[in-house]
């Protein structure tokens, strides 16, 4: 059976999900489908009052359910049942996601939604396996480091991978015994509402997940500044992360996890397997049309192999099939909005005006929707926004080197340090550079995350604070206290 569908026939769960019911509110934002530009719905904006209702609902649910104090295995059981429901409703989730987002429906079924269910199960298993510690003290004392949930966690997710980003936030927070007030992007809110509804259906006490829709200025600010939100988790741009930090500082002090922007290098040495490198590099910038914080947007290639490497990447770029996200045969995504596509094009044009060489692409694609052609720019001025700024589009820049020191200098971005790729057969070089590259993740002879959810992700420099995924994400949702007992 084909996964292709008619987007006009999809039922849309629009509204704030608070205490197991959908709430309407004024202040509607127009929503357009990236694949064809058609208006299809309006997104409500949660006011400070609605955010407060969601927070108080979460606090009440924590108290009445004793979610943070039940036997940990009970939390594990409920979360595993939720993961099962996510898999059973994968087609419904995929349709909601494909209507509003840039994610093709075929990739959603096999990738995003399946991975989200895996992540929920992964974090569920931490509930009864990670806890307090006895620590060495003198013989007259018993020392303990006890951990406990924060309470209500505020989570804000981006538009580029809505389902899986919600899983990043909800899975560890709930497994650790917290409640969550989640704000998905106003561009792609629908799948998060259904995800929360499925959690309640799976047995999660109503009110432990509340989803409020809206923009950052109103709804996001109300969440991050709320005095009863004990911890904030955000994935998005560095500029938005900075605004969140400022808002938290104005209203108090609370811990936060921020996974922010990137401008990730991919370094290819002369001894690399060029077919392997080309496939990984092309995939990293073609996937979701480069709309990923870890997109490998800066190719740094040894001068000896740059030409054949680029030829191999070009061949893969030309093989993409752009199409609507509700077509199961689509392999190449649209840009999220006309505004974002215009920004991408302006950066490319500015680079070309500074005498960058356009090897392919560099233009909006013809037809309906907000598509932009996969692009490679060579001879880019180091001060160009194509090098310095996160483009969040399918634009790959090429720089060359002849020595290892040159490669490292090019890789070291003044602003970002989220991820990096390294392609070489030299194991000694791998160990040397993996330590030297200033990035939170280094992939070697591949580019992109695996489905080993134990590996945390997070950045250096202005690419963020703290980690998502892995054991780190679970512990980031627990706070500790020291107890010293005189015996």
Protein backbone atom coordinates (compact mmCIF):
# COMPACT_ATOMS: atom_id res chain seq x y z
CA UNK A 1 0.00 0.00 0.00
CA UNK A 2 1.36 3.41 -0.97
CA UNK A 3 1.95 5.97 1.77
CA UNK A 4 1.02 8.82 -0.59
CA UNK A 5 -2.07 10.76 0.51
CA UNK A 6 -4.24 13.81 -0.14
CA UNK A 7 -3.22 16.56 2.33
CA UNK A 8 -6.67 18.13 2.19
CA UNK A 9 -8.22 14.98 3.66
CA UNK A 10 -6.15 14.91 6.86
CA UNK A 11 -7.92 15.70 10.14
CA UNK A 12 -5.95 18.33 12.06
CA UNK A 13 -5.87 18.37 15.90
CA UNK A 14 -5.52 22.13 16.30
CA UNK A 15 -5.59 23.55 19.80
CA UNK A 16 -3.71 23.60 23.07
CA UNK A 17 -3.67 20.20 24.77
CA UNK A 18 -4.08 20.90 28.47
CA UNK A 19 -5.19 18.27 30.96
CA UNK A 20 -6.34 15.86 28.24
CA UNK A 21 -8.54 18.36 26.40
CA UNK A 22 -8.09 20.65 23.40
CA UNK A 23 -8.44 24.36 24.12
CA UNK A 24 -8.99 27.09 21.59
CA UNK A 25 -7.58 30.59 21.90
CA UNK A 26 -7.39 33.78 19.82
CA UNK A 27 -4.35 35.24 18.13
CA UNK A 28 -4.15 32.91 15.16
CA UNK A 29 -1.04 32.53 12.97
CA UNK A 30 -1.54 31.51 9.32
CA UNK A 31 0.05 28.16 8.42
CA UNK A 32 1.18 27.25 4.90
CA UNK A 33 2.31 23.92 3.51
CA UNK A 34 5.98 24.09 2.46
CA UNK A 35 5.38 21.68 -0.41
CA UNK A 36 2.91 23.88 -2.30
CA UNK A 37 2.63 27.14 -0.35
CA UNK A 38 -1.08 26.58 0.24
CA UNK A 39 -2.74 28.00 3.36
CA UNK A 40 -4.22 25.10 5.32
CA UNK A 41 -4.85 26.14 8.93
CA UNK A 42 -4.32 28.73 11.64
CA UNK A 43 -2.20 28.17 14.72
CA UNK A 44 -3.51 29.65 17.98
CA UNK A 45 -1.23 31.61 20.28
CA UNK A 46 -1.22 30.62 23.94
CA UNK A 47 -1.31 33.69 26.16
CA UNK A 48 0.42 33.98 29.53
CA UNK A 49 -2.88 32.91 31.10
CA UNK A 50 -3.08 29.72 29.04
CA UNK A 51 0.57 28.91 29.73
CA UNK A 52 -0.10 29.41 33.45
CA UNK A 53 -3.11 27.08 33.21
CA UNK A 54 -0.89 24.45 31.58
CA UNK A 55 1.76 24.85 34.27
CA UNK A 56 -0.73 24.62 37.12
CA UNK A 57 -2.33 21.59 35.46
CA UNK A 58 1.09 19.95 35.31
CA UNK A 59 1.79 20.73 38.97
CA UNK A 60 -1.57 19.29 40.03
CA UNK A 61 -1.04 16.17 37.92
CA UNK A 62 2.37 15.60 39.52
CA UNK A 63 0.83 15.84 42.98
CA UNK A 64 -2.26 13.70 42.40
CA UNK A 65 -0.47 10.99 40.40
CA UNK A 66 2.74 11.04 42.47
CA UNK A 67 4.48 10.44 39.13
CA UNK A 68 7.88 11.35 40.53
CA UNK A 69 7.43 9.09 43.55
CA UNK A 70 5.82 5.94 42.13
CA UNK A 71 7.82 2.77 41.74
CA UNK A 72 10.23 3.63 38.91
CA UNK A 73 9.22 0.53 36.95
CA UNK A 74 5.69 1.92 36.71
CA UNK A 75 7.03 4.88 34.79
CA UNK A 76 8.98 2.49 32.57
CA UNK A 77 5.86 0.43 31.83
CA UNK A 78 3.73 3.44 30.85
CA UNK A 79 6.42 4.91 28.62
CA UNK A 80 6.95 1.60 26.85
CA UNK A 81 3.21 1.40 26.19
CA UNK A 82 3.38 4.92 24.78
CA UNK A 83 6.19 3.89 22.43
CA UNK A 84 4.05 0.97 21.23
CA UNK A 85 1.18 3.35 20.46
CA UNK A 86 3.49 5.69 18.57
CA UNK A 87 4.47 2.80 16.32
CA UNK A 88 0.88 1.65 15.85
CA UNK A 89 -0.19 5.19 14.90
CA UNK A 90 2.86 5.84 12.73
CA UNK A 91 0.84 6.46 9.57
CA UNK A 92 -1.42 9.01 11.25
CA UNK A 93 1.54 10.79 12.79
CA UNK A 94 3.39 10.74 9.47
CA UNK A 95 0.48 12.36 7.65
CA UNK A 96 0.18 15.15 10.21
CA UNK A 97 3.91 15.74 10.08
CA UNK A 98 4.13 15.64 6.29
CA UNK A 99 1.29 18.15 5.85
CA UNK A 100 2.95 20.90 7.84
CA UNK A 101 6.66 20.16 7.84
CA UNK A 102 9.50 19.56 5.41
CA UNK A 103 9.69 15.83 6.13
CA UNK A 104 8.65 13.43 3.29
CA UNK A 105 6.11 10.87 4.43
CA UNK A 106 8.25 7.86 3.46
CA UNK A 107 11.20 9.12 5.50
CA UNK A 108 8.92 9.77 8.46
CA UNK A 109 7.63 6.20 8.66
CA UNK A 110 11.05 4.58 8.35
CA UNK A 111 12.99 7.24 10.21
CA UNK A 112 11.61 9.96 12.46
CA UNK A 113 8.65 8.14 13.99
CA UNK A 114 10.39 4.79 14.41
CA UNK A 115 13.35 6.56 16.02
CA UNK A 116 11.04 8.49 18.35
CA UNK A 117 9.50 5.25 19.64
CA UNK A 118 13.00 3.83 20.15
CA UNK A 119 14.05 6.92 22.09
CA UNK A 120 11.03 6.75 24.39
CA UNK A 121 11.87 3.11 25.17
CA UNK A 122 15.51 4.00 25.68
CA UNK A 123 14.74 6.65 28.28
CA UNK A 124 12.03 4.54 29.90
CA UNK A 125 14.69 2.03 30.94
CA UNK A 126 16.59 4.66 32.91
CA UNK A 127 13.72 5.11 35.37
CA UNK A 128 14.60 2.06 37.47
CA UNK A 129 18.30 1.82 36.68
CA UNK A 130 19.69 5.24 37.60
CA UNK A 131 19.33 6.59 41.12
CA UNK A 132 21.06 7.79 44.25
CA UNK A 133 24.61 6.91 45.31
CA UNK A 134 26.35 6.05 48.55
CA UNK A 135 29.66 7.86 48.67
CA UNK A 136 32.78 7.25 50.78
CA UNK A 137 32.97 9.17 54.06
CA UNK A 138 34.56 8.48 57.44
CA UNK A 139 33.31 5.54 59.51
CA UNK A 140 31.06 7.73 61.68
CA UNK A 141 29.02 9.05 58.77
CA UNK A 142 26.89 7.79 55.93
CA UNK A 143 27.11 9.97 52.82
CA UNK A 144 24.49 9.92 50.08
CA UNK A 145 23.89 11.83 46.88
CA UNK A 146 20.14 11.70 46.33
CA UNK A 147 18.42 12.64 43.08
CA UNK A 148 14.86 13.76 42.44
CA UNK A 149 12.81 15.26 39.60
CA UNK A 150 12.72 19.02 39.09
CA UNK A 151 8.94 19.17 38.86
CA UNK A 152 7.60 20.95 35.78
CA UNK A 153 9.97 21.16 32.80
CA UNK A 154 9.40 23.68 30.02
CA UNK A 155 10.35 22.36 26.59
CA UNK A 156 10.49 24.22 23.27
CA UNK A 157 11.10 22.33 20.02
CA UNK A 158 11.96 23.46 16.47
CA UNK A 159 10.14 22.95 13.19
CA UNK A 160 12.69 20.84 11.33
CA UNK A 161 12.11 17.43 13.02
CA UNK A 162 8.94 17.96 15.08
CA UNK A 163 8.18 14.40 16.24
CA UNK A 164 11.69 13.32 17.07
CA UNK A 165 12.55 16.63 18.77
CA UNK A 166 9.47 16.25 20.97
CA UNK A 167 10.71 12.76 21.85
CA UNK A 168 14.12 14.22 22.81
CA UNK A 169 12.42 16.45 25.38
CA UNK A 170 9.51 14.36 26.61
CA UNK A 171 11.26 10.99 26.95
CA UNK A 172 13.97 11.86 29.49
CA UNK A 173 11.85 14.39 31.39
CA UNK A 174 8.98 11.95 31.97
CA UNK A 175 11.25 8.99 32.70
CA UNK A 176 12.97 11.13 35.33
CA UNK A 177 9.62 11.79 37.04
CA UNK A 178 8.78 15.29 35.78
CA UNK A 179 5.78 16.84 34.08
CA UNK A 180 6.29 18.81 30.84
CA UNK A 181 4.80 21.91 29.26
CA UNK A 182 5.81 21.63 25.61
CA UNK A 183 5.72 24.35 22.97
CA UNK A 184 6.30 23.02 19.45
CA UNK A 185 7.12 25.41 16.64
CA UNK A 186 4.14 27.40 15.41
CA UNK A 187 5.07 26.21 11.91
CA UNK A 188 4.75 22.50 12.72
CA UNK A 189 2.64 21.98 15.87
CA UNK A 190 0.23 19.22 14.87
CA UNK A 191 2.14 16.00 15.46
CA UNK A 192 3.13 17.08 18.98
CA UNK A 193 -0.52 17.39 19.96
CA UNK A 194 -1.25 13.86 18.75
CA UNK A 195 1.90 12.59 20.46
CA UNK A 196 0.59 13.93 23.79
CA UNK A 197 -2.86 12.44 23.20
CA UNK A 198 -1.27 9.04 22.58
CA UNK A 199 0.67 9.30 25.84
CA UNK A 200 -2.54 9.72 27.84
CA UNK A 201 -4.12 6.85 25.90
CA UNK A 202 -1.10 4.72 26.86
CA UNK A 203 -1.74 5.34 30.55
CA UNK A 204 0.26 8.48 31.34
CA UNK A 205 -1.69 10.48 33.94
CA UNK A 206 -3.54 13.35 32.25
CA UNK A 207 -1.83 16.68 32.75
CA UNK A 208 1.73 15.38 32.86
CA UNK A 209 2.12 16.46 29.23
CA UNK A 210 0.57 19.77 28.24
CA UNK A 211 1.14 21.17 24.75
CA UNK A 212 0.68 24.90 24.21
CA UNK A 213 0.84 26.33 20.70
CA UNK A 214 2.13 29.74 19.77
CA UNK A 215 5.12 31.87 18.88
CA UNK A 216 8.31 32.55 20.77
CA UNK A 217 7.62 36.16 21.71
CA UNK A 218 4.38 35.39 23.55
CA UNK A 219 4.12 31.69 24.36
CA UNK A 220 7.80 30.82 24.51
CA UNK A 221 8.59 33.80 26.72
CA UNK A 222 5.73 32.89 29.05
CA UNK A 223 7.12 29.36 29.45
CA UNK A 224 10.76 30.28 30.03
CA UNK A 225 9.87 33.10 32.41
CA UNK A 226 7.23 31.24 34.43
CA UNK A 227 8.23 30.99 38.11
CA UNK A 228 6.85 27.45 38.42
CA UNK A 229 8.82 26.09 35.47
CA UNK A 230 11.81 24.53 37.21
CA UNK A 231 13.96 23.73 34.18
CA UNK A 232 13.99 24.70 30.48
CA UNK A 233 15.02 22.58 27.50
CA UNK A 234 15.27 24.19 24.06
CA UNK A 235 16.44 23.21 20.59
CA UNK A 236 16.70 25.96 17.99
CA UNK A 237 18.79 28.85 16.79
CA UNK A 238 21.61 30.47 18.74
CA UNK A 239 19.78 33.80 18.63
CA UNK A 240 16.65 32.27 20.16
CA UNK A 241 18.76 30.47 22.76
CA UNK A 242 20.35 33.77 23.76
CA UNK A 243 16.90 35.36 24.09
CA UNK A 244 15.78 32.47 26.33
CA UNK A 245 18.82 32.90 28.58
CA UNK A 246 18.09 36.62 28.87
CA UNK A 247 14.42 36.01 29.68
CA UNK A 248 15.30 33.46 32.35
CA UNK A 249 17.82 35.89 33.86
CA UNK A 250 15.17 38.63 34.00
CA UNK A 251 12.70 36.41 35.83
CA UNK A 252 14.93 34.30 38.05
CA UNK A 253 17.49 31.52 37.88
CA UNK A 254 16.87 28.00 36.60
CA UNK A 255 18.87 25.29 34.83
CA UNK A 256 18.58 24.94 31.07
CA UNK A 257 19.62 22.68 28.24
CA UNK A 258 20.19 24.50 24.96
CA UNK A 259 20.98 22.69 21.71
CA UNK A 260 21.63 25.52 19.28
CA UNK A 261 22.99 26.33 15.85
CA UNK A 262 25.88 24.87 13.94
CA UNK A 263 28.16 25.45 10.98
CA UNK A 264 29.74 22.04 10.93
CA UNK A 265 32.94 21.21 9.02
CA UNK A 266 33.63 18.00 7.13
CA UNK A 267 37.36 17.41 6.70
CA UNK A 268 38.45 15.02 3.94
CA UNK A 269 42.09 13.91 3.79
CA UNK A 270 43.83 12.56 0.71
CA UNK A 271 43.80 8.99 2.06
CA UNK A 272 40.02 8.90 2.57
CA UNK A 273 37.62 6.54 0.81
CA UNK A 274 36.19 9.14 -1.57
CA UNK A 275 33.02 7.22 -2.42
CA UNK A 276 32.26 6.80 1.26
CA UNK A 277 33.02 10.46 1.94
CA UNK A 278 30.98 11.74 -1.01
CA UNK A 279 27.93 9.71 0.02
CA UNK A 280 28.12 10.95 3.61
CA UNK A 281 28.76 14.59 2.69
CA UNK A 282 26.06 14.75 0.03
CA UNK A 283 23.60 13.05 2.35
CA UNK A 284 24.32 15.48 5.16
CA UNK A 285 23.42 18.54 3.08
CA UNK A 286 20.63 16.96 1.01
CA UNK A 287 18.83 15.47 4.02
CA UNK A 288 15.87 17.70 4.89
CA UNK A 289 17.35 20.17 2.36
CA UNK A 290 20.09 21.09 4.83
CA UNK A 291 17.57 22.15 7.49
CA UNK A 292 19.34 20.55 10.43
CA UNK A 293 21.51 22.08 13.12
CA UNK A 294 24.19 19.45 12.47
CA UNK A 295 24.12 19.81 8.67
CA UNK A 296 27.67 19.37 7.36
CA UNK A 297 27.68 22.65 5.50
CA UNK A 298 31.44 23.31 5.28
CA UNK A 299 33.45 20.90 3.13
CA UNK A 300 37.18 21.19 3.88
CA UNK A 301 38.97 18.95 1.40
CA UNK A 302 42.62 18.20 0.75
CA UNK A 303 43.59 19.95 -2.47
CA UNK A 304 44.75 16.68 -4.02
CA UNK A 305 41.27 15.07 -3.84
CA UNK A 306 38.96 18.10 -3.93
CA UNK A 307 38.06 17.83 -7.62
CA UNK A 308 37.10 14.11 -7.78
CA UNK A 309 35.35 14.42 -4.41
CA UNK A 310 33.20 17.32 -5.58
CA UNK A 311 32.36 15.49 -8.82
CA UNK A 312 31.07 12.55 -6.78
CA UNK A 313 29.02 14.85 -4.54
CA UNK A 314 27.57 16.64 -7.57
CA UNK A 315 26.37 13.36 -9.04
CA UNK A 316 24.48 12.56 -5.85
CA UNK A 317 22.97 16.03 -5.65
CA UNK A 318 21.63 15.76 -9.18
CA UNK A 319 19.90 12.48 -8.36
CA UNK A 320 17.49 13.93 -5.77
CA UNK A 321 13.76 13.88 -6.46
CA UNK A 322 12.00 17.00 -5.20
CA UNK A 323 8.30 16.65 -4.60
CA UNK A 324 5.50 17.20 -2.11
CA UNK A 325 6.02 15.71 1.31
CA UNK A 326 2.82 13.68 0.96
CA UNK A 327 4.22 11.82 -2.08
CA UNK A 328 5.90 8.56 -1.00
CA UNK A 329 8.42 8.81 -3.86
CA UNK A 330 9.81 12.21 -2.77
CA UNK A 331 13.45 12.16 -1.63
CA UNK A 332 14.17 15.91 -1.39
CA UNK A 333 12.45 18.32 0.98
CA UNK A 334 11.10 21.83 0.51
CA UNK A 335 12.33 24.78 2.57
CA UNK A 336 10.04 25.52 5.52
CA UNK A 337 8.82 28.93 4.26
CA UNK A 338 9.18 31.48 1.50
CA UNK A 339 10.90 33.80 3.97
CA UNK A 340 13.56 31.21 4.77
CA UNK A 341 14.08 30.37 1.10
CA UNK A 342 14.58 34.06 0.34
CA UNK A 343 17.16 34.29 3.13
CA UNK A 344 19.07 31.29 1.74
CA UNK A 345 19.08 32.80 -1.74
CA UNK A 346 20.24 36.19 -0.46
CA UNK A 347 23.24 34.58 1.27
CA UNK A 348 24.15 32.64 -1.88
CA UNK A 349 23.83 35.76 -4.05
CA UNK A 350 25.99 37.76 -1.62
CA UNK A 351 28.70 35.09 -1.79
CA UNK A 352 28.61 35.11 -5.58
CA UNK A 353 28.85 38.89 -5.57
CA UNK A 354 32.13 38.42 -3.67
CA UNK A 355 33.35 36.20 -6.54
CA UNK A 356 32.43 32.81 -5.08
CA UNK A 357 32.14 30.16 -7.79
CA UNK A 358 28.74 28.46 -8.02
CA UNK A 359 29.44 24.83 -8.97
CA UNK A 360 25.79 23.80 -8.93
CA UNK A 361 22.42 25.08 -7.76
CA UNK A 362 22.18 28.51 -6.21
CA UNK A 363 18.62 29.12 -7.39
CA UNK A 364 15.07 28.48 -6.20
CA UNK A 365 13.59 25.46 -7.94
CA UNK A 366 10.73 25.98 -10.37
CA UNK A 367 7.18 24.90 -9.57
CA UNK A 368 4.99 25.02 -6.49
CA UNK A 369 6.35 25.08 -2.98
CA UNK A 370 9.47 26.48 -1.37
CA UNK A 371 12.18 24.30 -2.92
CA UNK A 372 15.81 25.36 -3.32
CA UNK A 373 18.32 23.55 -5.50
CA UNK A 374 21.22 21.72 -3.80
CA UNK A 375 24.13 24.14 -4.01
CA UNK A 376 27.93 24.04 -3.87
CA UNK A 377 29.98 27.23 -3.61
CA UNK A 378 33.76 27.29 -4.08
CA UNK A 379 36.31 30.06 -3.55
CA UNK A 380 34.12 31.66 -0.90
CA UNK A 381 35.53 34.64 0.95
CA UNK A 382 36.13 33.69 4.59
CA UNK A 383 34.14 36.73 5.73
CA UNK A 384 31.11 35.79 3.64
CA UNK A 385 27.88 34.89 5.48
CA UNK A 386 28.00 31.63 3.49
CA UNK A 387 30.95 30.70 5.74
CA UNK A 388 30.18 32.61 8.92
CA UNK A 389 26.40 32.14 9.32
CA UNK A 390 24.17 29.11 9.76
CA UNK A 391 22.26 29.09 6.47
CA UNK A 392 19.86 26.27 7.35
CA UNK A 393 19.50 25.26 3.74
CA UNK A 394 21.07 22.96 1.11
CA UNK A 395 24.24 25.03 0.64
CA UNK A 396 27.70 23.43 0.86
CA UNK A 397 30.84 25.56 0.76
CA UNK A 398 34.19 24.18 -0.42
CA UNK A 399 37.54 25.12 1.10
CA UNK A 400 40.83 23.33 0.48
CA UNK A 401 43.96 22.64 2.52
CA UNK A 402 47.35 20.99 2.14
CA UNK A 403 48.42 20.46 5.76
CA UNK A 404 46.73 19.13 8.87
CA UNK A 405 47.21 22.45 10.65
CA UNK A 406 45.46 24.28 7.81
CA UNK A 407 42.55 21.85 8.02
CA UNK A 408 42.19 22.39 11.76
CA UNK A 409 42.35 26.15 11.39
CA UNK A 410 39.57 26.09 8.78
CA UNK A 411 37.45 23.74 10.88
CA UNK A 412 37.65 25.95 13.97
CA UNK A 413 34.61 28.21 13.52
CA UNK A 414 34.61 31.41 15.62
CA UNK A 415 30.94 30.98 16.62
CA UNK A 416 29.80 27.38 16.38
CA UNK A 417 31.04 24.01 17.61
CA UNK A 418 28.16 21.58 17.29
CA UNK A 419 29.45 18.73 15.12
CA UNK A 420 32.20 17.80 12.68
CA UNK A 421 33.03 15.09 10.16
CA UNK A 422 36.44 13.55 9.59
CA UNK A 423 37.34 11.27 6.69
CA UNK A 424 40.67 9.45 6.79
CA UNK A 425 42.10 5.93 7.05
CA UNK A 426 44.84 7.06 9.44
CA UNK A 427 43.85 5.93 12.96
CA UNK A 428 46.51 8.08 14.62
CA UNK A 429 45.17 11.12 12.81
CA UNK A 430 41.63 10.22 13.88
CA UNK A 431 42.59 10.18 17.55
CA UNK A 432 44.63 13.36 17.23
CA UNK A 433 41.97 15.39 15.44
CA UNK A 434 38.99 14.01 17.35
CA UNK A 435 40.54 15.66 20.41
CA UNK A 436 41.63 18.82 18.61
CA UNK A 437 38.41 19.68 16.74
CA UNK A 438 36.31 22.01 18.95
CA UNK A 439 32.92 20.34 18.53
CA UNK A 440 30.52 18.43 20.75
CA UNK A 441 30.31 15.53 18.28
CA UNK A 442 32.89 14.22 15.82
CA UNK A 443 31.82 11.63 13.26
CA UNK A 444 34.59 9.64 11.59
CA UNK A 445 34.14 8.15 8.09
CA UNK A 446 30.41 8.87 8.37
CA UNK A 447 28.25 11.91 8.97
CA UNK A 448 25.12 11.92 11.10
CA UNK A 449 23.67 10.22 14.14
CA UNK A 450 23.19 6.48 14.37
CA UNK A 451 20.34 4.88 16.28
CA UNK A 452 22.58 4.35 19.29
CA UNK A 453 20.67 6.65 21.58
CA UNK A 454 23.28 6.32 24.32
CA UNK A 455 25.49 8.87 22.51
CA UNK A 456 24.68 12.40 23.75
CA UNK A 457 24.49 15.41 21.47
CA UNK A 458 25.28 19.02 22.24
CA UNK A 459 27.68 21.75 21.28
CA UNK A 460 30.69 23.81 22.19
CA UNK A 461 30.90 27.60 21.97
CA UNK A 462 27.57 29.21 20.99
CA UNK A 463 26.17 25.88 19.82
CA UNK A 464 24.66 25.25 23.21
CA UNK A 465 24.76 24.26 26.85
CA UNK A 466 24.26 20.71 28.11
CA UNK A 467 23.33 17.58 26.22
CA UNK A 468 20.33 15.88 24.67
CA UNK A 469 20.10 12.11 24.24
CA UNK A 470 22.17 9.58 26.13
CA UNK A 471 22.55 9.18 29.87
CA UNK A 472 23.30 12.89 30.08
CA UNK A 473 19.76 13.83 29.03
CA UNK A 474 18.20 11.71 31.77
CA UNK A 475 20.47 13.13 34.47
CA UNK A 476 19.80 16.67 33.19
CA UNK A 477 16.17 16.13 34.24
CA UNK A 478 17.07 15.19 37.84
CA UNK A 479 18.51 17.43 40.53
CA UNK A 480 20.76 16.19 43.31
CA UNK A 481 21.13 16.82 46.99
CA UNK A 482 23.82 15.72 49.41
CA UNK A 483 22.85 13.93 52.62
CA UNK A 484 25.32 13.29 55.42
CA UNK A 485 24.14 11.16 58.37
CA UNK A 486 25.99 10.84 61.65
CA UNK A 487 25.63 7.17 62.67
